[in-house]
């Protein structure tokens, strides 16, 4: 077990009035964020900039991935007023780029796709100038569920492969590497900007990381995030290795050479970290 964090994993805590206001708005509107539920190391930084990643469909997941700090068990009932509250919070926070994710809801016939679609549409109706990125589960590969989300026109479609293929039985026993690639391929072939992410430090080898990046490029994935896995609680997998910053820089360079429009890689990078900036980079390079 790796007990001591290296120097590059020491993060300055930012606490200011804006951070307190962000937290207050979320509490008043009874909204969950992946920032809080997954114990993201960037929470203070993001909240202090009035940004957050909304987590819909409750805060209890039906799966039990061994890298994730989100609670699992019997999920909550669907909250029909949730889409409107997400839109209200986005407006109060003055967000022009809204990121929406969810717990996995294998208990629902559509995996929660309708709630995703309603939330995207409501945000766009209440804030017409906004752009919306969704970070979705795999919906067990259901194209019907994916179509419901895509019909609501998210600006960026994100689904994380999370780790290399070999480590799926260890880290994501209820998921499937090929299925995740198919989810991204379906969205890409429908004409959407696609994004994925991986966390490093679970025991993967360099060649496996590059192979996963190549697999993502082969299905046309546009944007990629790479970050350091940090054990969120004692029940989760231990960190096998702390990846140094220079190695993340190397992966970024490799990813860009492979053809990703934007690659953000670093110890503290997470799926939604600087999401707005990544989307803007894509638009600039594509000449939008």
Protein backbone atom coordinates (compact mmCIF):
# COMPACT_ATOMS: atom_id res chain seq x y z
CA UNK A 1 0.00 0.00 0.00
CA UNK A 2 1.27 3.47 -0.93
CA UNK A 3 0.91 5.55 2.22
CA UNK A 4 2.61 8.84 1.43
CA UNK A 5 1.54 11.16 -1.33
CA UNK A 6 4.37 12.50 -3.50
CA UNK A 7 5.02 16.24 -3.63
CA UNK A 8 3.08 16.69 -6.88
CA UNK A 9 -0.11 15.48 -5.21
CA UNK A 10 -0.21 18.20 -2.59
CA UNK A 11 -2.99 20.57 -3.52
CA UNK A 12 -3.58 24.01 -2.07
CA UNK A 13 -7.07 24.29 -0.59
CA UNK A 14 -9.01 27.27 -1.87
CA UNK A 15 -11.85 28.56 0.31
CA UNK A 16 -13.62 31.81 -0.52
CA UNK A 17 -17.04 33.42 -0.49
CA UNK A 18 -17.94 32.09 -3.95
CA UNK A 19 -17.23 28.55 -2.80
CA UNK A 20 -19.55 28.97 0.16
CA UNK A 21 -22.23 30.45 -2.09
CA UNK A 22 -21.94 27.52 -4.53
CA UNK A 23 -22.31 25.01 -1.72
CA UNK A 24 -25.25 26.96 -0.32
CA UNK A 25 -27.13 27.03 -3.63
CA UNK A 26 -26.71 23.28 -4.06
CA UNK A 27 -27.97 22.60 -0.55
CA UNK A 28 -30.97 24.89 -0.85
CA UNK A 29 -32.01 23.24 -4.12
CA UNK A 30 -31.31 19.73 -2.75
CA UNK A 31 -28.95 18.78 -5.55
CA UNK A 32 -26.18 16.20 -5.60
CA UNK A 33 -22.81 16.73 -7.24
CA UNK A 34 -20.21 14.18 -8.24
CA UNK A 35 -17.71 16.61 -6.71
CA UNK A 36 -19.05 15.81 -3.24
CA UNK A 37 -20.25 12.24 -3.66
CA UNK A 38 -17.05 10.97 -5.32
CA UNK A 39 -14.79 13.03 -3.05
CA UNK A 40 -13.11 14.87 -5.92
CA UNK A 41 -9.80 16.52 -4.94
CA UNK A 42 -10.72 19.59 -7.00
CA UNK A 43 -13.96 20.39 -5.19
CA UNK A 44 -12.72 23.51 -3.40
CA UNK A 45 -11.09 24.85 -6.54
CA UNK A 46 -14.20 24.33 -8.66
CA UNK A 47 -16.72 25.53 -6.06
CA UNK A 48 -14.62 28.67 -5.56
CA UNK A 49 -15.08 29.36 -9.29
CA UNK A 50 -18.85 28.76 -9.04
CA UNK A 51 -18.71 25.52 -11.00
CA UNK A 52 -19.93 22.03 -10.17
CA UNK A 53 -20.86 18.80 -11.92
CA UNK A 54 -24.49 17.93 -11.22
CA UNK A 55 -25.27 14.31 -10.41
CA UNK A 56 -28.86 13.39 -11.20
CA UNK A 57 -30.96 10.32 -10.39
CA UNK A 58 -30.00 10.39 -6.72
CA UNK A 59 -26.71 9.63 -5.00
CA UNK A 60 -26.96 5.83 -4.66
CA UNK A 61 -25.60 3.67 -7.47
CA UNK A 62 -26.82 0.21 -8.44
CA UNK A 63 -23.28 -0.88 -9.30
CA UNK A 64 -20.27 -1.27 -7.06
CA UNK A 65 -17.20 -0.31 -9.06
CA UNK A 66 -14.15 -0.82 -6.89
CA UNK A 67 -12.58 2.55 -7.71
CA UNK A 68 -15.59 4.75 -6.98
CA UNK A 69 -16.50 6.55 -3.75
CA UNK A 70 -20.18 6.97 -4.63
CA UNK A 71 -22.52 4.95 -2.38
CA UNK A 72 -24.15 1.84 -3.77
CA UNK A 73 -27.31 0.05 -2.70
CA UNK A 74 -31.05 0.56 -3.10
CA UNK A 75 -31.44 3.70 -5.23
CA UNK A 76 -33.78 6.63 -4.68
CA UNK A 77 -37.04 7.14 -6.54
CA UNK A 78 -37.04 9.44 -9.58
CA UNK A 79 -37.44 13.10 -8.64
CA UNK A 80 -39.52 14.72 -11.39
CA UNK A 81 -38.62 18.21 -10.20
CA UNK A 82 -34.87 17.56 -10.40
CA UNK A 83 -34.36 18.81 -14.00
CA UNK A 84 -35.86 22.19 -13.12
CA UNK A 85 -33.71 22.50 -9.99
CA UNK A 86 -30.57 21.74 -11.99
CA UNK A 87 -31.55 24.51 -14.40
CA UNK A 88 -32.26 26.91 -11.52
CA UNK A 89 -28.91 26.17 -9.91
CA UNK A 90 -27.13 26.62 -13.24
CA UNK A 91 -28.78 30.01 -13.65
CA UNK A 92 -27.95 31.11 -10.09
CA UNK A 93 -24.33 30.06 -10.61
CA UNK A 94 -24.30 31.91 -13.94
CA UNK A 95 -23.11 28.79 -15.74
CA UNK A 96 -22.74 28.96 -19.50
CA UNK A 97 -21.34 25.42 -19.64
CA UNK A 98 -23.29 22.86 -17.63
CA UNK A 99 -21.96 19.35 -16.92
CA UNK A 100 -24.47 16.66 -15.94
CA UNK A 101 -23.69 13.13 -14.84
CA UNK A 102 -25.52 10.46 -12.85
CA UNK A 103 -25.22 7.33 -10.80
CA UNK A 104 -25.80 4.12 -12.76
CA UNK A 105 -29.45 3.07 -12.52
CA UNK A 106 -29.67 -0.51 -13.76
CA UNK A 107 -32.97 -0.77 -11.87
CA UNK A 108 -34.74 1.54 -14.35
CA UNK A 109 -36.12 0.32 -17.68
CA UNK A 110 -34.22 3.05 -19.54
CA UNK A 111 -31.31 3.42 -17.11
CA UNK A 112 -32.47 6.96 -16.40
CA UNK A 113 -32.15 8.21 -19.98
CA UNK A 114 -35.46 10.09 -19.88
CA UNK A 115 -34.31 12.03 -16.81
CA UNK A 116 -31.08 12.92 -18.61
CA UNK A 117 -33.03 14.14 -21.64
CA UNK A 118 -35.44 16.19 -19.51
CA UNK A 119 -32.55 17.79 -17.64
CA UNK A 120 -30.67 18.73 -20.82
CA UNK A 121 -33.80 20.21 -22.40
CA UNK A 122 -34.76 22.14 -19.27
CA UNK A 123 -31.30 23.67 -18.89
CA UNK A 124 -31.28 24.73 -22.53
CA UNK A 125 -34.78 26.19 -22.24
CA UNK A 126 -33.97 28.18 -19.09
CA UNK A 127 -30.48 29.22 -20.26
CA UNK A 128 -30.65 29.35 -24.09
CA UNK A 129 -27.05 30.49 -24.42
CA UNK A 130 -25.71 27.58 -22.39
CA UNK A 131 -23.96 24.46 -23.60
CA UNK A 132 -24.42 21.10 -21.95
CA UNK A 133 -22.00 18.22 -21.53
CA UNK A 134 -23.26 14.87 -20.29
CA UNK A 135 -21.18 12.17 -18.64
CA UNK A 136 -23.32 9.06 -18.94
CA UNK A 137 -23.23 5.43 -17.73
CA UNK A 138 -23.29 2.63 -20.30
CA UNK A 139 -27.06 1.92 -20.05
CA UNK A 140 -26.12 -1.76 -20.53
CA UNK A 141 -25.45 -0.82 -24.14
CA UNK A 142 -29.09 0.08 -24.88
CA UNK A 143 -29.25 2.08 -28.09
CA UNK A 144 -32.81 3.07 -27.24
CA UNK A 145 -31.63 4.80 -24.07
CA UNK A 146 -28.75 6.45 -25.88
CA UNK A 147 -31.09 7.76 -28.59
CA UNK A 148 -33.29 9.43 -25.95
CA UNK A 149 -30.29 11.38 -24.68
CA UNK A 150 -28.92 12.26 -28.11
CA UNK A 151 -32.32 13.57 -29.24
CA UNK A 152 -32.02 16.24 -26.54
CA UNK A 153 -28.87 17.52 -28.29
CA UNK A 154 -26.09 17.62 -25.68
CA UNK A 155 -23.09 19.61 -26.93
CA UNK A 156 -20.56 17.05 -25.69
CA UNK A 157 -21.24 13.36 -25.05
CA UNK A 158 -18.89 11.87 -22.45
CA UNK A 159 -18.59 8.26 -21.35
CA UNK A 160 -15.52 7.10 -19.48
CA UNK A 161 -13.76 3.85 -20.21
CA UNK A 162 -12.08 4.50 -16.82
CA UNK A 163 -9.23 1.98 -17.13
CA UNK A 164 -7.50 -0.43 -19.51
CA UNK A 165 -9.27 -3.55 -20.75
CA UNK A 166 -7.28 -6.01 -18.60
CA UNK A 167 -8.28 -4.29 -15.36
CA UNK A 168 -12.05 -4.29 -15.96
CA UNK A 169 -12.72 -7.48 -13.93
CA UNK A 170 -10.77 -5.93 -11.05
CA UNK A 171 -12.05 -2.35 -11.19
CA UNK A 172 -15.35 -2.51 -13.12
CA UNK A 173 -16.73 -6.05 -12.79
CA UNK A 174 -20.26 -5.01 -13.80
CA UNK A 175 -19.09 -3.10 -16.86
CA UNK A 176 -17.59 -4.17 -20.19
CA UNK A 177 -14.73 -2.49 -22.06
CA UNK A 178 -16.06 -3.28 -25.53
CA UNK A 179 -19.54 -2.11 -24.55
CA UNK A 180 -18.18 1.24 -23.39
CA UNK A 181 -16.41 1.70 -26.73
CA UNK A 182 -19.66 0.88 -28.53
CA UNK A 183 -21.51 3.53 -26.50
CA UNK A 184 -19.02 6.17 -27.62
CA UNK A 185 -19.04 4.90 -31.21
CA UNK A 186 -22.85 5.13 -31.34
CA UNK A 187 -22.77 8.79 -30.27
CA UNK A 188 -19.92 9.59 -32.68
CA UNK A 189 -21.69 8.01 -35.63
CA UNK A 190 -24.77 10.07 -34.73
CA UNK A 191 -22.65 13.20 -35.23
CA UNK A 192 -21.82 14.22 -31.67
CA UNK A 193 -18.60 15.46 -30.09
CA UNK A 194 -17.40 12.58 -27.92
CA UNK A 195 -15.18 12.48 -24.88
CA UNK A 196 -13.77 9.81 -22.59
CA UNK A 197 -11.41 9.50 -19.65
CA UNK A 198 -9.15 7.16 -17.76
CA UNK A 199 -7.60 7.13 -14.32
CA UNK A 200 -4.08 5.82 -13.95
CA UNK A 201 -2.36 4.14 -11.03
CA UNK A 202 -4.38 0.92 -10.80
CA UNK A 203 -1.63 -1.29 -12.14
CA UNK A 204 -1.95 -0.61 -15.85
CA UNK A 205 1.10 -0.77 -18.13
CA UNK A 206 2.17 2.00 -20.49
CA UNK A 207 1.44 -0.11 -23.56
CA UNK A 208 -2.06 -0.81 -22.28
CA UNK A 209 -2.78 2.88 -21.80
CA UNK A 210 -1.63 3.65 -25.34
CA UNK A 211 -3.71 0.75 -26.67
CA UNK A 212 -6.80 2.15 -24.92
CA UNK A 213 -6.07 5.56 -26.44
CA UNK A 214 -5.77 3.94 -29.86
CA UNK A 215 -9.06 2.10 -29.34
CA UNK A 216 -10.76 5.40 -28.51
CA UNK A 217 -9.23 7.05 -31.58
CA UNK A 218 -10.39 4.20 -33.79
CA UNK A 219 -14.00 5.06 -32.92
CA UNK A 220 -13.43 8.77 -33.46
CA UNK A 221 -13.34 10.00 -29.86
CA UNK A 222 -12.50 13.71 -29.85
CA UNK A 223 -11.57 14.60 -26.28
CA UNK A 224 -9.61 12.71 -23.63
CA UNK A 225 -8.87 13.19 -19.93
CA UNK A 226 -6.22 11.28 -17.96
CA UNK A 227 -5.84 11.60 -14.20
CA UNK A 228 -4.36 9.89 -11.15
CA UNK A 229 -6.54 7.39 -9.32
CA UNK A 230 -6.82 8.22 -5.62
CA UNK A 231 -8.44 5.77 -3.23
CA UNK A 232 -11.68 7.47 -2.05
CA UNK A 233 -12.27 5.14 0.90
CA UNK A 234 -10.94 1.95 2.50
CA UNK A 235 -13.39 -0.26 0.60
CA UNK A 236 -12.00 0.82 -2.75
CA UNK A 237 -8.93 -0.46 -4.55
CA UNK A 238 -5.59 0.73 -3.27
CA UNK A 239 -3.34 2.90 -5.41
CA UNK A 240 -0.71 0.75 -7.11
CA UNK A 241 1.40 3.63 -8.36
CA UNK A 242 1.57 7.41 -8.36
CA UNK A 243 2.12 8.52 -11.94
CA UNK A 244 4.60 11.44 -12.18
CA UNK A 245 3.61 14.66 -14.01
CA UNK A 246 6.16 14.11 -16.76
CA UNK A 247 4.51 10.79 -17.64
CA UNK A 248 1.13 12.51 -17.92
CA UNK A 249 2.78 15.06 -20.24
CA UNK A 250 4.06 12.19 -22.36
CA UNK A 251 0.58 10.67 -22.62
CA UNK A 252 -0.81 14.05 -23.60
CA UNK A 253 1.71 14.32 -26.42
CA UNK A 254 0.99 10.76 -27.57
CA UNK A 255 -2.75 11.43 -27.50
CA UNK A 256 -2.44 14.56 -29.59
CA UNK A 257 -0.30 12.71 -32.14
CA UNK A 258 -2.90 9.95 -32.29
CA UNK A 259 -5.50 12.54 -33.28
CA UNK A 260 -7.43 13.66 -30.19
CA UNK A 261 -8.47 17.28 -30.64
CA UNK A 262 -7.81 17.99 -26.96
CA UNK A 263 -6.07 15.95 -24.27
CA UNK A 264 -5.95 17.11 -20.65
CA UNK A 265 -3.64 14.97 -18.55
CA UNK A 266 -2.30 15.42 -15.04
CA UNK A 267 -2.45 14.08 -11.49
CA UNK A 268 -5.57 16.06 -10.52
CA UNK A 269 -7.41 15.84 -13.84
CA UNK A 270 -10.92 14.43 -13.67
CA UNK A 271 -13.60 13.96 -16.36
CA UNK A 272 -15.20 17.35 -15.85
CA UNK A 273 -12.04 19.26 -14.92
CA UNK A 274 -11.80 22.29 -17.22
CA UNK A 275 -14.58 20.80 -19.34
CA UNK A 276 -15.59 24.18 -20.74
CA UNK A 277 -12.04 24.94 -21.83
CA UNK A 278 -11.73 21.54 -23.54
CA UNK A 279 -14.93 22.12 -25.48
CA UNK A 280 -13.76 25.59 -26.50
CA UNK A 281 -10.44 24.15 -27.70
CA UNK A 282 -12.36 21.68 -29.84
CA UNK A 283 -14.46 24.44 -31.38
CA UNK A 284 -11.41 26.61 -32.07
CA UNK A 285 -9.49 23.80 -33.75
CA UNK A 286 -12.50 22.73 -35.77
CA UNK A 287 -13.18 26.29 -36.86
CA UNK A 288 -16.66 26.65 -35.33
